[in-house]
Amino acid sequence: MGIRVAVAGASGYAGGELLRLIAGHPHLELATATGFAQAGSTIATVHPHVRSFRDVVLAPTGPEALADADLVFLALPHGESAALAAQLPESVKVVDIGADFRLRSAAEWEQYYSGPHAGTWTYGLPELPGQRERIAASTRVANTGCYAVTTILALAPLIAAGVADPEDVVVVAASGTSGAGRSAKQHLLASEVMGSMSPYKVGAHQHVPEIKQASGARTLSMTPILAPMPRGILATVTARALTGADPREVLAAAYDGEPFVHVLPAGQWPQTGATLGSNSAHLQATVDVDSGRIVVVSATDNLVKGAAGQAVQNANIMLGLPEVAGLAVDGIAP
């Protein structure tokens, strides 16, 4: 028997991706999967692509359905994880894909989210210095946000090395529609999205304080863009250069040996299609010849490295398993 894991909120896109990854994981066994409105439905009905669990019936979401698992993935909307997590035994390890426990600052939580600040868990980005060891020692881990992981990986080593100005960071990032969740919304209808790109939450996106907290940036302007594709994030991160150092070389040194972060060969630029279905992040960097600003382009799959894959990577570390177990480095093309 494998290590028993449960997925709360398994009916959503991130929950479905977790089920797909668990199905292919050599060490994990699905103990239970829960839903809200979809409780009572089979996984084949909700996620027809996850054939391995097609006859599993989604249970109602509650602590009684989850408490017997060794580890629980919470794939719930922001603000809904804290109450459920508080009812789980301390012996059960938890990875929260939502935002409830990411931020250290209660004031920033209240500014960008709603409801009271639930507290702070270990931040689940193993590629940050020292964070892998903290995750391994933790029973509660807060997964990264999708825009956040894509941007932090591009920015944090440059600020830490003193080559990028933390007071002058600009991010323009495009995301596929799955990043907005599975609930029916007019602006996500195919007729609204296809053939069009549109900005949203300009000047007040909820991932800004998370990016600043984890990357060391102090002033950050972010413009998120909804792109006419189901999944993927492409972020362009620029910052004022403080030295003449080659930003690509700094990134390559920082991620040397990391299994999921790939600094591409000079002249090759990231594209979302190359990360599709993988837990990989692709990075490239240069210095703009006109402005002298550092430019880093970062691509991820928002449902894998930006959500479910990152959660499995964290779970592997927490459970003492090989960090790469059950996770693909290679994408799917075309």
C-alpha atoms as a PDB file:
ATOM      1  CA  MET A   1       0.000   0.000   0.000  1.00  0.00           C
ATOM      2  CA  GLY A   2       1.081   3.539  -0.738  1.00  0.00           C
ATOM      3  CA  ILE A   3       0.902   6.649   1.393  1.00  0.00           C
ATOM      4  CA  ARG A   4      -2.762   7.622   1.720  1.00  0.00           C
ATOM      5  CA  VAL A   5      -3.621  11.104   0.480  1.00  0.00           C
ATOM      6  CA  ALA A   6      -6.902  12.974   0.202  1.00  0.00           C
ATOM      7  CA  VAL A   7      -8.006  15.818  -2.048  1.00  0.00           C
ATOM      8  CA  ALA A   8     -10.511  18.337  -0.705  1.00  0.00           C
ATOM      9  CA  GLY A   9     -12.089  20.336  -3.488  1.00  0.00           C
ATOM     10  CA  ALA A  10     -11.379  17.668  -6.096  1.00  0.00           C
ATOM     11  CA  SER A  11     -14.058  18.907  -8.494  1.00  0.00           C
ATOM     12  CA  GLY A  12     -12.110  22.034  -9.550  1.00  0.00           C
ATOM     13  CA  TYR A  13      -9.347  22.353 -12.117  1.00  0.00           C
ATOM     14  CA  ALA A  14      -6.533  22.184  -9.554  1.00  0.00           C
ATOM     15  CA  GLY A  15      -8.281  19.295  -7.821  1.00  0.00           C
ATOM     16  CA  GLY A  16      -8.588  17.415 -11.093  1.00  0.00           C
ATOM     17  CA  GLU A  17      -4.921  17.982 -11.819  1.00  0.00           C
ATOM     18  CA  LEU A  18      -4.053  16.632  -8.371  1.00  0.00           C
ATOM     19  CA  LEU A  19      -6.059  13.491  -9.109  1.00  0.00           C
ATOM     20  CA  ARG A  20      -4.222  13.028 -12.412  1.00  0.00           C
ATOM     21  CA  LEU A  21      -0.836  13.375 -10.716  1.00  0.00           C
ATOM     22  CA  ILE A  22      -1.762  11.084  -7.828  1.00  0.00           C
ATOM     23  CA  ALA A  23      -2.921   8.447 -10.323  1.00  0.00           C
ATOM     24  CA  GLY A  24       0.564   8.359 -11.844  1.00  0.00           C
ATOM     25  CA  HIS A  25       2.499   8.661  -8.591  1.00  0.00           C
ATOM     26  CA  PRO A  26       4.510   5.578  -7.570  1.00  0.00           C
ATOM     27  CA  HIS A  27       4.125   6.131  -3.813  1.00  0.00           C
ATOM     28  CA  LEU A  28       0.721   7.772  -3.274  1.00  0.00           C
ATOM     29  CA  GLU A  29      -2.689   6.148  -2.914  1.00  0.00           C
ATOM     30  CA  LEU A  30      -5.944   8.108  -3.128  1.00  0.00           C
ATOM     31  CA  ALA A  31      -7.807   7.694   0.165  1.00  0.00           C
ATOM     32  CA  THR A  32     -10.699  10.010  -0.649  1.00  0.00           C
ATOM     33  CA  ALA A  33     -11.689  12.917  -2.842  1.00  0.00           C
ATOM     34  CA  THR A  34     -14.319  15.456  -1.837  1.00  0.00           C
ATOM     35  CA  GLY A  35     -16.464  18.084  -3.474  1.00  0.00           C
ATOM     36  CA  PHE A  36     -19.200  20.549  -2.643  1.00  0.00           C
ATOM     37  CA  ALA A  37     -21.949  20.846  -5.264  1.00  0.00           C
ATOM     38  CA  GLN A  38     -20.488  17.812  -7.060  1.00  0.00           C
ATOM     39  CA  ALA A  39     -20.520  15.550  -3.978  1.00  0.00           C
ATOM     40  CA  GLY A  40     -22.138  12.244  -4.899  1.00  0.00           C
ATOM     41  CA  SER A  41     -20.868  12.365  -8.486  1.00  0.00           C
ATOM     42  CA  THR A  42     -18.229   9.994  -9.787  1.00  0.00           C
ATOM     43  CA  ILE A  43     -14.856  11.321 -10.853  1.00  0.00           C
ATOM     44  CA  ALA A  44     -15.606  10.031 -14.360  1.00  0.00           C
ATOM     45  CA  THR A  45     -18.519  12.480 -14.474  1.00  0.00           C
ATOM     46  CA  VAL A  46     -16.557  15.469 -13.171  1.00  0.00           C
ATOM     47  CA  HIS A  47     -13.127  14.724 -14.680  1.00  0.00           C
ATOM     48  CA  PRO A  48     -13.592  12.283 -17.574  1.00  0.00           C
ATOM     49  CA  HIS A  49      -9.866  12.409 -18.384  1.00  0.00           C
ATOM     50  CA  VAL A  50      -8.911  10.849 -15.009  1.00  0.00           C
ATOM     51  CA  ARG A  51      -9.766   7.264 -15.917  1.00  0.00           C
ATOM     52  CA  SER A  52      -7.754   5.720 -13.070  1.00  0.00           C
ATOM     53  CA  PHE A  53     -10.321   6.943 -10.508  1.00  0.00           C
ATOM     54  CA  ARG A  54     -13.389   6.900 -12.763  1.00  0.00           C
ATOM     55  CA  ASP A  55     -15.600   4.999 -10.284  1.00  0.00           C
ATOM     56  CA  VAL A  56     -14.568   6.930  -7.175  1.00  0.00           C
ATOM     57  CA  VAL A  57     -17.481   8.954  -5.786  1.00  0.00           C
ATOM     58  CA  LEU A  58     -16.802  12.453  -4.473  1.00  0.00           C
ATOM     59  CA  ALA A  59     -17.616  12.662  -0.773  1.00  0.00           C
ATOM     60  CA  PRO A  60     -18.959  15.798   0.921  1.00  0.00           C
ATOM     61  CA  THR A  61     -16.146  18.075   2.058  1.00  0.00           C
ATOM     62  CA  GLY A  62     -15.629  17.800   5.800  1.00  0.00           C
ATOM     63  CA  PRO A  63     -13.020  16.710   8.339  1.00  0.00           C
ATOM     64  CA  GLU A  64     -14.593  13.288   8.812  1.00  0.00           C
ATOM     65  CA  ALA A  65     -13.865  12.402   5.169  1.00  0.00           C
ATOM     66  CA  LEU A  66     -10.237  13.533   5.374  1.00  0.00           C
ATOM     67  CA  ALA A  67      -8.959  12.694   8.862  1.00  0.00           C
ATOM     68  CA  ASP A  68      -7.778   9.158   8.038  1.00  0.00           C
ATOM     69  CA  ALA A  69      -5.361  10.287   5.314  1.00  0.00           C
ATOM     70  CA  ASP A  70      -1.634  10.648   5.884  1.00  0.00           C
ATOM     71  CA  LEU A  71      -1.651  13.911   3.916  1.00  0.00           C
ATOM     72  CA  VAL A  72      -4.473  16.165   2.729  1.00  0.00           C
ATOM     73  CA  PHE A  73      -4.368  18.501  -0.251  1.00  0.00           C
ATOM     74  CA  LEU A  74      -6.725  21.451   0.179  1.00  0.00           C
ATOM     75  CA  ALA A  75      -7.790  22.672  -3.281  1.00  0.00           C
ATOM     76  CA  LEU A  76     -10.412  25.105  -2.037  1.00  0.00           C
ATOM     77  CA  PRO A  77     -11.251  28.723  -2.899  1.00  0.00           C
ATOM     78  CA  HIS A  78      -9.258  31.392  -1.083  1.00  0.00           C
ATOM     79  CA  GLY A  79     -10.547  31.890   2.438  1.00  0.00           C
ATOM     80  CA  GLU A  80     -12.095  28.433   2.817  1.00  0.00           C
ATOM     81  CA  SER A  81      -9.085  26.333   3.840  1.00  0.00           C
ATOM     82  CA  ALA A  82      -8.497  27.685   7.342  1.00  0.00           C
ATOM     83  CA  ALA A  83     -11.730  26.466   8.917  1.00  0.00           C
ATOM     84  CA  LEU A  84     -11.315  22.966   7.508  1.00  0.00           C
ATOM     85  CA  ALA A  85      -7.603  22.741   8.347  1.00  0.00           C
ATOM     86  CA  ALA A  86      -8.345  23.652  11.966  1.00  0.00           C
ATOM     87  CA  GLN A  87     -10.549  20.544  12.260  1.00  0.00           C
ATOM     88  CA  LEU A  88      -7.914  18.093  10.989  1.00  0.00           C
ATOM     89  CA  PRO A  89      -5.745  16.141  13.450  1.00  0.00           C
ATOM     90  CA  GLU A  90      -2.212  17.428  13.973  1.00  0.00           C
ATOM     91  CA  SER A  91      -0.950  14.035  12.826  1.00  0.00           C
ATOM     92  CA  VAL A  92      -2.290  14.686   9.314  1.00  0.00           C
ATOM     93  CA  LYS A  93       0.072  16.613   7.057  1.00  0.00           C
ATOM     94  CA  VAL A  94      -1.588  19.333   4.954  1.00  0.00           C
ATOM     95  CA  VAL A  95      -0.683  21.192   1.773  1.00  0.00           C
ATOM     96  CA  ASP A  96      -2.980  24.150   1.093  1.00  0.00           C
ATOM     97  CA  ILE A  97      -3.191  25.226  -2.547  1.00  0.00           C
ATOM     98  CA  GLY A  98      -5.224  28.294  -1.576  1.00  0.00           C
ATOM     99  CA  ALA A  99      -3.904  31.582  -0.243  1.00  0.00           C
ATOM    100  CA  ASP A 100      -5.092  31.314   3.360  1.00  0.00           C
ATOM    101  CA  PHE A 101      -1.699  30.723   4.972  1.00  0.00           C
ATOM    102  CA  ARG A 102       0.783  32.280   2.507  1.00  0.00           C
ATOM    103  CA  LEU A 103       1.133  35.792   3.869  1.00  0.00           C
ATOM    104  CA  ARG A 104       2.939  36.808   7.044  1.00  0.00           C
ATOM    105  CA  SER A 105       1.227  40.199   7.214  1.00  0.00           C
ATOM    106  CA  ALA A 106      -2.343  40.289   8.504  1.00  0.00           C
ATOM    107  CA  ALA A 107      -2.692  43.834   7.155  1.00  0.00           C
ATOM    108  CA  GLU A 108      -1.764  42.738   3.632  1.00  0.00           C
ATOM    109  CA  TRP A 109      -4.158  39.787   3.837  1.00  0.00           C
ATOM    110  CA  GLU A 110      -6.983  42.130   4.789  1.00  0.00           C
ATOM    111  CA  GLN A 111      -6.037  44.522   1.977  1.00  0.00           C
ATOM    112  CA  TYR A 112      -6.001  41.922  -0.812  1.00  0.00           C
ATOM    113  CA  TYR A 113      -8.395  39.233   0.458  1.00  0.00           C
ATOM    114  CA  SER A 114     -11.488  39.091   2.655  1.00  0.00           C
ATOM    115  CA  GLY A 115     -12.064  37.753   6.149  1.00  0.00           C
ATOM    116  CA  PRO A 116      -9.638  37.436   9.055  1.00  0.00           C
ATOM    117  CA  HIS A 117      -6.003  36.418   8.598  1.00  0.00           C
ATOM    118  CA  ALA A 118      -5.695  32.706   9.508  1.00  0.00           C
ATOM    119  CA  GLY A 119      -1.973  32.684  10.223  1.00  0.00           C
ATOM    120  CA  THR A 120       1.161  31.698   8.336  1.00  0.00           C
ATOM    121  CA  TRP A 121       2.406  28.262   7.318  1.00  0.00           C
ATOM    122  CA  THR A 122       5.750  27.259   5.818  1.00  0.00           C
ATOM    123  CA  TYR A 123       5.938  28.709   2.321  1.00  0.00           C
ATOM    124  CA  GLY A 124       5.974  25.956  -0.296  1.00  0.00           C
ATOM    125  CA  LEU A 125       8.613  26.985  -2.826  1.00  0.00           C
ATOM    126  CA  PRO A 126      11.522  24.537  -2.445  1.00  0.00           C
ATOM    127  CA  GLU A 127      13.760  26.386  -4.900  1.00  0.00           C
ATOM    128  CA  LEU A 128      14.178  29.328  -2.515  1.00  0.00           C
ATOM    129  CA  PRO A 129      17.358  29.140  -0.388  1.00  0.00           C
ATOM    130  CA  GLY A 130      16.788  27.085   2.776  1.00  0.00           C
ATOM    131  CA  GLN A 131      13.125  26.488   2.034  1.00  0.00           C
ATOM    132  CA  ARG A 132      13.443  22.825   1.094  1.00  0.00           C
ATOM    133  CA  GLU A 133      14.680  22.024   4.600  1.00  0.00           C
ATOM    134  CA  ARG A 134      11.860  24.022   6.193  1.00  0.00           C
ATOM    135  CA  ILE A 135       9.259  22.187   4.115  1.00  0.00           C
ATOM    136  CA  ALA A 136      10.750  18.818   5.089  1.00  0.00           C
ATOM    137  CA  ALA A 137      10.389  19.714   8.767  1.00  0.00           C
ATOM    138  CA  SER A 138       6.794  20.975   8.450  1.00  0.00           C
ATOM    139  CA  THR A 139       3.388  19.355   8.774  1.00  0.00           C
ATOM    140  CA  ARG A 140       1.568  22.380   7.307  1.00  0.00           C
ATOM    141  CA  VAL A 141       2.698  23.965   4.019  1.00  0.00           C
ATOM    142  CA  ALA A 142       1.165  26.835   2.036  1.00  0.00           C
ATOM    143  CA  ASN A 143       1.508  26.270  -1.694  1.00  0.00           C
ATOM    144  CA  THR A 144       2.571  29.144  -3.927  1.00  0.00           C
ATOM    145  CA  GLY A 145       0.218  31.109  -6.138  1.00  0.00           C
ATOM    146  CA  CYS A 146       0.506  30.541  -9.893  1.00  0.00           C
ATOM    147  CA  TYR A 147       1.533  34.079 -10.890  1.00  0.00           C
ATOM    148  CA  ALA A 148       3.660  34.165  -7.770  1.00  0.00           C
ATOM    149  CA  VAL A 149       5.809  31.103  -8.496  1.00  0.00           C
ATOM    150  CA  THR A 150       6.303  32.179 -12.116  1.00  0.00           C
ATOM    151  CA  THR A 151       7.479  35.630 -11.035  1.00  0.00           C
ATOM    152  CA  ILE A 152       9.421  34.713  -7.882  1.00  0.00           C
ATOM    153  CA  LEU A 153      11.579  32.194  -9.724  1.00  0.00           C
ATOM    154  CA  ALA A 154      12.468  34.899 -12.249  1.00  0.00           C
ATOM    155  CA  LEU A 155      13.190  37.593  -9.688  1.00  0.00           C
ATOM    156  CA  ALA A 156      14.385  36.290  -6.317  1.00  0.00           C
ATOM    157  CA  PRO A 157      17.960  35.262  -7.277  1.00  0.00           C
ATOM    158  CA  LEU A 158      18.572  38.616  -8.979  1.00  0.00           C
ATOM    159  CA  ILE A 159      17.505  40.597  -5.929  1.00  0.00           C
ATOM    160  CA  ALA A 160      19.428  38.282  -3.578  1.00  0.00           C
ATOM    161  CA  ALA A 161      22.582  38.754  -5.667  1.00  0.00           C
ATOM    162  CA  GLY A 162      22.219  42.540  -5.607  1.00  0.00           C
ATOM    163  CA  VAL A 163      21.967  42.885  -9.384  1.00  0.00           C
ATOM    164  CA  ALA A 164      18.274  43.929  -9.570  1.00  0.00           C
ATOM    165  CA  ASP A 165      16.758  46.903  -7.766  1.00  0.00           C
ATOM    166  CA  PRO A 166      14.049  45.699  -5.332  1.00  0.00           C
ATOM    167  CA  GLU A 167      12.485  49.177  -5.429  1.00  0.00           C
ATOM    168  CA  ASP A 168      11.784  49.082  -9.174  1.00  0.00           C
ATOM    169  CA  VAL A 169      10.103  45.897 -10.418  1.00  0.00           C
ATOM    170  CA  VAL A 170       7.448  45.697 -13.140  1.00  0.00           C
ATOM    171  CA  VAL A 171       5.581  42.502 -14.067  1.00  0.00           C
ATOM    172  CA  VAL A 172       3.292  41.926 -17.032  1.00  0.00           C
ATOM    173  CA  ALA A 173       1.968  38.364 -17.031  1.00  0.00           C
ATOM    174  CA  ALA A 174      -0.576  36.518 -19.163  1.00  0.00           C
ATOM    175  CA  SER A 175      -2.500  33.525 -17.821  1.00  0.00           C
ATOM    176  CA  GLY A 176      -4.828  30.928 -19.256  1.00  0.00           C
ATOM    177  CA  THR A 177      -8.467  30.904 -18.198  1.00  0.00           C
ATOM    178  CA  SER A 178      -8.139  27.902 -15.865  1.00  0.00           C
ATOM    179  CA  GLY A 179      -6.348  30.201 -13.421  1.00  0.00           C
ATOM    180  CA  ALA A 180      -9.727  31.766 -12.640  1.00  0.00           C
ATOM    181  CA  GLY A 181     -11.224  28.469 -11.506  1.00  0.00           C
ATOM    182  CA  ARG A 182     -14.052  26.327 -12.832  1.00  0.00           C
ATOM    183  CA  SER A 183     -17.074  28.334 -11.704  1.00  0.00           C
ATOM    184  CA  ALA A 184     -19.198  29.730 -14.528  1.00  0.00           C
ATOM    185  CA  LYS A 185     -18.413  33.428 -15.072  1.00  0.00           C
ATOM    186  CA  GLN A 186     -19.487  35.616 -17.967  1.00  0.00           C
ATOM    187  CA  HIS A 187     -16.007  37.023 -18.681  1.00  0.00           C
ATOM    188  CA  LEU A 188     -14.666  33.470 -19.041  1.00  0.00           C
ATOM    189  CA  LEU A 189     -17.185  32.331 -21.647  1.00  0.00           C
ATOM    190  CA  ALA A 190     -15.546  31.180 -24.879  1.00  0.00           C
ATOM    191  CA  SER A 191     -17.306  33.944 -26.802  1.00  0.00           C
ATOM    192  CA  GLU A 192     -15.766  36.538 -24.472  1.00  0.00           C
ATOM    193  CA  VAL A 193     -12.252  35.080 -24.333  1.00  0.00           C
ATOM    194  CA  MET A 194     -11.450  33.692 -27.761  1.00  0.00           C
ATOM    195  CA  GLY A 195      -9.719  36.141 -30.058  1.00  0.00           C
ATOM    196  CA  SER A 196      -9.219  38.655 -27.250  1.00  0.00           C
ATOM    197  CA  MET A 197      -6.767  39.547 -24.466  1.00  0.00           C
ATOM    198  CA  SER A 198      -7.781  41.678 -21.518  1.00  0.00           C
ATOM    199  CA  PRO A 199      -6.169  42.974 -18.318  1.00  0.00           C
ATOM    200  CA  TYR A 200      -7.803  42.450 -14.948  1.00  0.00           C
ATOM    201  CA  LYS A 201      -7.197  43.418 -11.313  1.00  0.00           C
ATOM    202  CA  VAL A 202      -4.793  46.061 -12.611  1.00  0.00           C
ATOM    203  CA  GLY A 203      -2.881  47.672  -9.756  1.00  0.00           C
ATOM    204  CA  ALA A 204      -4.336  45.391  -7.080  1.00  0.00           C
ATOM    205  CA  HIS A 205      -3.680  41.728  -7.826  1.00  0.00           C
ATOM    206  CA  GLN A 206      -3.671  39.473  -4.765  1.00  0.00           C
ATOM    207  CA  HIS A 207      -0.343  37.829  -5.635  1.00  0.00           C
ATOM    208  CA  VAL A 208       1.600  41.099  -5.297  1.00  0.00           C
ATOM    209  CA  PRO A 209       2.236  40.844  -1.511  1.00  0.00           C
ATOM    210  CA  GLU A 210       3.167  37.171  -1.862  1.00  0.00           C
ATOM    211  CA  ILE A 211       5.674  37.954  -4.619  1.00  0.00           C
ATOM    212  CA  LYS A 212       7.193  40.772  -2.578  1.00  0.00           C
ATOM    213  CA  GLN A 213       7.396  38.636   0.553  1.00  0.00           C
ATOM    214  CA  ALA A 214       9.173  35.735  -1.177  1.00  0.00           C
ATOM    215  CA  SER A 215      11.337  37.582  -3.714  1.00  0.00           C
ATOM    216  CA  GLY A 216      12.620  40.505  -1.665  1.00  0.00           C
ATOM    217  CA  ALA A 217      10.999  43.087  -3.952  1.00  0.00           C
ATOM    218  CA  ARG A 218       9.817  46.190  -2.124  1.00  0.00           C
ATOM    219  CA  THR A 219       7.981  48.055  -4.895  1.00  0.00           C
ATOM    220  CA  LEU A 220       6.223  46.034  -7.575  1.00  0.00           C
ATOM    221  CA  SER A 221       3.767  46.986 -10.307  1.00  0.00           C
ATOM    222  CA  MET A 222       1.868  44.030 -11.786  1.00  0.00           C
ATOM    223  CA  THR A 223      -0.501  43.855 -14.741  1.00  0.00           C
ATOM    224  CA  PRO A 224      -2.196  40.455 -15.152  1.00  0.00           C
ATOM    225  CA  ILE A 225      -3.677  39.589 -18.549  1.00  0.00           C
ATOM    226  CA  LEU A 226      -6.295  36.992 -19.411  1.00  0.00           C
ATOM    227  CA  ALA A 227      -5.100  35.094 -22.485  1.00  0.00           C
ATOM    228  CA  PRO A 228      -7.267  33.023 -24.865  1.00  0.00           C
ATOM    229  CA  MET A 229      -5.828  29.650 -23.823  1.00  0.00           C
ATOM    230  CA  PRO A 230      -6.916  27.107 -21.186  1.00  0.00           C
ATOM    231  CA  ARG A 231      -3.662  26.951 -19.211  1.00  0.00           C
ATOM    232  CA  GLY A 232      -0.174  28.396 -18.914  1.00  0.00           C
ATOM    233  CA  ILE A 233       1.482  31.587 -17.662  1.00  0.00           C
ATOM    234  CA  LEU A 234       4.019  33.757 -19.439  1.00  0.00           C
ATOM    235  CA  ALA A 235       5.473  36.493 -17.215  1.00  0.00           C
ATOM    236  CA  THR A 236       7.775  39.294 -18.305  1.00  0.00           C
ATOM    237  CA  VAL A 237       9.602  40.645 -15.268  1.00  0.00           C
ATOM    238  CA  THR A 238      11.724  43.779 -15.540  1.00  0.00           C
ATOM    239  CA  ALA A 239      13.834  45.589 -12.947  1.00  0.00           C
ATOM    240  CA  ARG A 240      16.408  48.357 -12.861  1.00  0.00           C
ATOM    241  CA  ALA A 241      19.906  46.900 -13.055  1.00  0.00           C
ATOM    242  CA  LEU A 242      22.241  47.737 -10.159  1.00  0.00           C
ATOM    243  CA  THR A 243      25.394  46.159 -11.609  1.00  0.00           C
ATOM    244  CA  GLY A 244      26.767  45.028 -14.941  1.00  0.00           C
ATOM    245  CA  ALA A 245      26.292  41.354 -14.107  1.00  0.00           C
ATOM    246  CA  ASP A 246      24.725  39.067 -16.706  1.00  0.00           C
ATOM    247  CA  PRO A 247      21.256  38.211 -15.283  1.00  0.00           C
ATOM    248  CA  ARG A 248      21.124  34.938 -17.190  1.00  0.00           C
ATOM    249  CA  GLU A 249      24.355  33.776 -15.556  1.00  0.00           C
ATOM    250  CA  VAL A 250      22.991  34.713 -12.124  1.00  0.00           C
ATOM    251  CA  LEU A 251      19.837  32.668 -12.713  1.00  0.00           C
ATOM    252  CA  ALA A 252      21.788  29.730 -14.136  1.00  0.00           C
ATOM    253  CA  ALA A 253      24.033  29.634 -11.058  1.00  0.00           C
ATOM    254  CA  ALA A 254      21.075  29.908  -8.670  1.00  0.00           C
ATOM    255  CA  TYR A 255      19.188  27.006 -10.258  1.00  0.00           C
ATOM    256  CA  ASP A 256      22.108  24.742 -11.104  1.00  0.00           C
ATOM    257  CA  GLY A 257      20.971  21.221 -10.242  1.00  0.00           C
ATOM    258  CA  GLU A 258      17.315  22.124  -9.688  1.00  0.00           C
ATOM    259  CA  PRO A 259      15.162  19.476 -11.397  1.00  0.00           C
ATOM    260  CA  PHE A 260      12.249  21.710 -12.349  1.00  0.00           C
ATOM    261  CA  VAL A 261      13.736  25.147 -13.091  1.00  0.00           C
ATOM    262  CA  HIS A 262      15.427  25.422 -16.472  1.00  0.00           C
ATOM    263  CA  VAL A 263      17.382  28.461 -17.651  1.00  0.00           C
ATOM    264  CA  LEU A 264      17.242  28.130 -21.426  1.00  0.00           C
ATOM    265  CA  PRO A 265      20.228  28.435 -23.758  1.00  0.00           C
ATOM    266  CA  ALA A 266      21.093  31.971 -24.819  1.00  0.00           C
ATOM    267  CA  GLY A 267      18.738  33.203 -27.520  1.00  0.00           C
ATOM    268  CA  GLN A 268      15.969  30.697 -26.732  1.00  0.00           C
ATOM    269  CA  TRP A 269      12.899  32.226 -25.081  1.00  0.00           C
ATOM    270  CA  PRO A 270      10.225  30.543 -22.923  1.00  0.00           C
ATOM    271  CA  GLN A 271       6.837  29.671 -24.330  1.00  0.00           C
ATOM    272  CA  THR A 272       3.810  28.326 -22.503  1.00  0.00           C
ATOM    273  CA  GLY A 273       3.362  25.415 -24.898  1.00  0.00           C
ATOM    274  CA  ALA A 274       6.711  23.959 -23.864  1.00  0.00           C
ATOM    275  CA  THR A 275       5.699  23.707 -20.187  1.00  0.00           C
ATOM    276  CA  LEU A 276       2.226  22.260 -20.798  1.00  0.00           C
ATOM    277  CA  GLY A 277       1.550  19.347 -18.443  1.00  0.00           C
ATOM    278  CA  SER A 278       4.959  19.593 -16.759  1.00  0.00           C
ATOM    279  CA  ASN A 279       6.169  20.770 -13.361  1.00  0.00           C
ATOM    280  CA  SER A 280       8.910  22.773 -15.080  1.00  0.00           C
ATOM    281  CA  ALA A 281       9.565  26.498 -15.175  1.00  0.00           C
ATOM    282  CA  HIS A 282      11.452  27.871 -18.175  1.00  0.00           C
ATOM    283  CA  LEU A 283      13.475  31.087 -17.757  1.00  0.00           C
ATOM    284  CA  GLN A 284      15.474  33.406 -19.973  1.00  0.00           C
ATOM    285  CA  ALA A 285      17.047  36.777 -19.184  1.00  0.00           C
ATOM    286  CA  THR A 286      18.782  39.661 -20.897  1.00  0.00           C
ATOM    287  CA  VAL A 287      19.421  43.387 -20.507  1.00  0.00           C
ATOM    288  CA  ASP A 288      17.350  45.743 -22.638  1.00  0.00           C
ATOM    289  CA  VAL A 289      19.692  47.604 -25.000  1.00  0.00           C
ATOM    290  CA  ASP A 290      17.713  50.860 -24.804  1.00  0.00           C
ATOM    291  CA  SER A 291      16.679  51.186 -21.154  1.00  0.00           C
ATOM    292  CA  GLY A 292      19.407  49.060 -19.561  1.00  0.00           C
ATOM    293  CA  ARG A 293      16.727  47.261 -17.526  1.00  0.00           C
ATOM    294  CA  ILE A 294      16.947  43.576 -16.688  1.00  0.00           C
ATOM    295  CA  VAL A 295      14.309  41.552 -18.542  1.00  0.00           C
ATOM    296  CA  VAL A 296      13.391  38.022 -17.458  1.00  0.00           C
ATOM    297  CA  VAL A 297      10.730  35.934 -19.192  1.00  0.00           C
ATOM    298  CA  SER A 298       9.292  32.994 -17.251  1.00  0.00           C
ATOM    299  CA  ALA A 299       6.831  30.310 -18.372  1.00  0.00           C
ATOM    300  CA  THR A 300       4.957  27.703 -16.319  1.00  0.00           C
ATOM    301  CA  ASP A 301       1.827  25.603 -16.490  1.00  0.00           C
ATOM    302  CA  ASN A 302      -0.435  27.337 -13.963  1.00  0.00           C
ATOM    303  CA  LEU A 303      -2.166  24.077 -13.018  1.00  0.00           C
ATOM    304  CA  VAL A 304       1.057  22.115 -12.482  1.00  0.00           C
ATOM    305  CA  LYS A 305       4.045  24.147 -11.250  1.00  0.00           C
ATOM    306  CA  GLY A 306       1.524  26.873 -10.401  1.00  0.00           C
ATOM    307  CA  ALA A 307      -0.758  24.612  -8.349  1.00  0.00           C
ATOM    308  CA  ALA A 308      -1.085  20.804  -8.267  1.00  0.00           C
ATOM    309  CA  GLY A 309       2.442  19.866  -9.339  1.00  0.00           C
ATOM    310  CA  GLN A 310       3.970  22.263  -6.838  1.00  0.00           C
ATOM    311  CA  ALA A 311       1.693  20.746  -4.176  1.00  0.00           C
ATOM    312  CA  VAL A 312       2.874  17.228  -5.014  1.00  0.00           C
ATOM    313  CA  GLN A 313       6.497  18.433  -5.008  1.00  0.00           C
ATOM    314  CA  ASN A 314       5.947  19.839  -1.507  1.00  0.00           C
ATOM    315  CA  ALA A 315       4.174  16.660  -0.390  1.00  0.00           C
ATOM    316  CA  ASN A 316       7.061  14.535  -1.638  1.00  0.00           C
ATOM    317  CA  ILE A 317       9.475  16.562   0.492  1.00  0.00           C
ATOM    318  CA  MET A 318       7.199  16.450   3.557  1.00  0.00           C
ATOM    319  CA  LEU A 319       6.781  12.678   3.243  1.00  0.00           C
ATOM    320  CA  GLY A 320      10.465  11.933   2.704  1.00  0.00           C
ATOM    321  CA  LEU A 321       9.906  10.744  -0.874  1.00  0.00           C
ATOM    322  CA  PRO A 322      12.062  11.588  -3.906  1.00  0.00           C
ATOM    323  CA  GLU A 323      11.177  15.181  -4.746  1.00  0.00           C
ATOM    324  CA  VAL A 324      10.601  14.395  -8.420  1.00  0.00           C
ATOM    325  CA  ALA A 325       8.338  11.379  -7.809  1.00  0.00           C
ATOM    326  CA  GLY A 326       5.203  11.447  -9.951  1.00  0.00           C
ATOM    327  CA  LEU A 327       6.123  14.730 -11.633  1.00  0.00           C
ATOM    328  CA  ALA A 328       7.013  15.320 -15.273  1.00  0.00           C
ATOM    329  CA  VAL A 329       9.949  17.485 -16.305  1.00  0.00           C
ATOM    330  CA  ASP A 330       8.919  17.256 -19.963  1.00  0.00           C
ATOM    331  CA  GLY A 331       5.952  19.072 -21.439  1.00  0.00           C
ATOM    332  CA  ILE A 332       3.416  17.919 -24.021  1.00  0.00           C
ATOM    333  CA  ALA A 333       3.486  19.161 -27.605  1.00  0.00           C
ATOM    334  CA  PRO A 334       1.952  20.177 -29.890  1.00  0.00           C
END
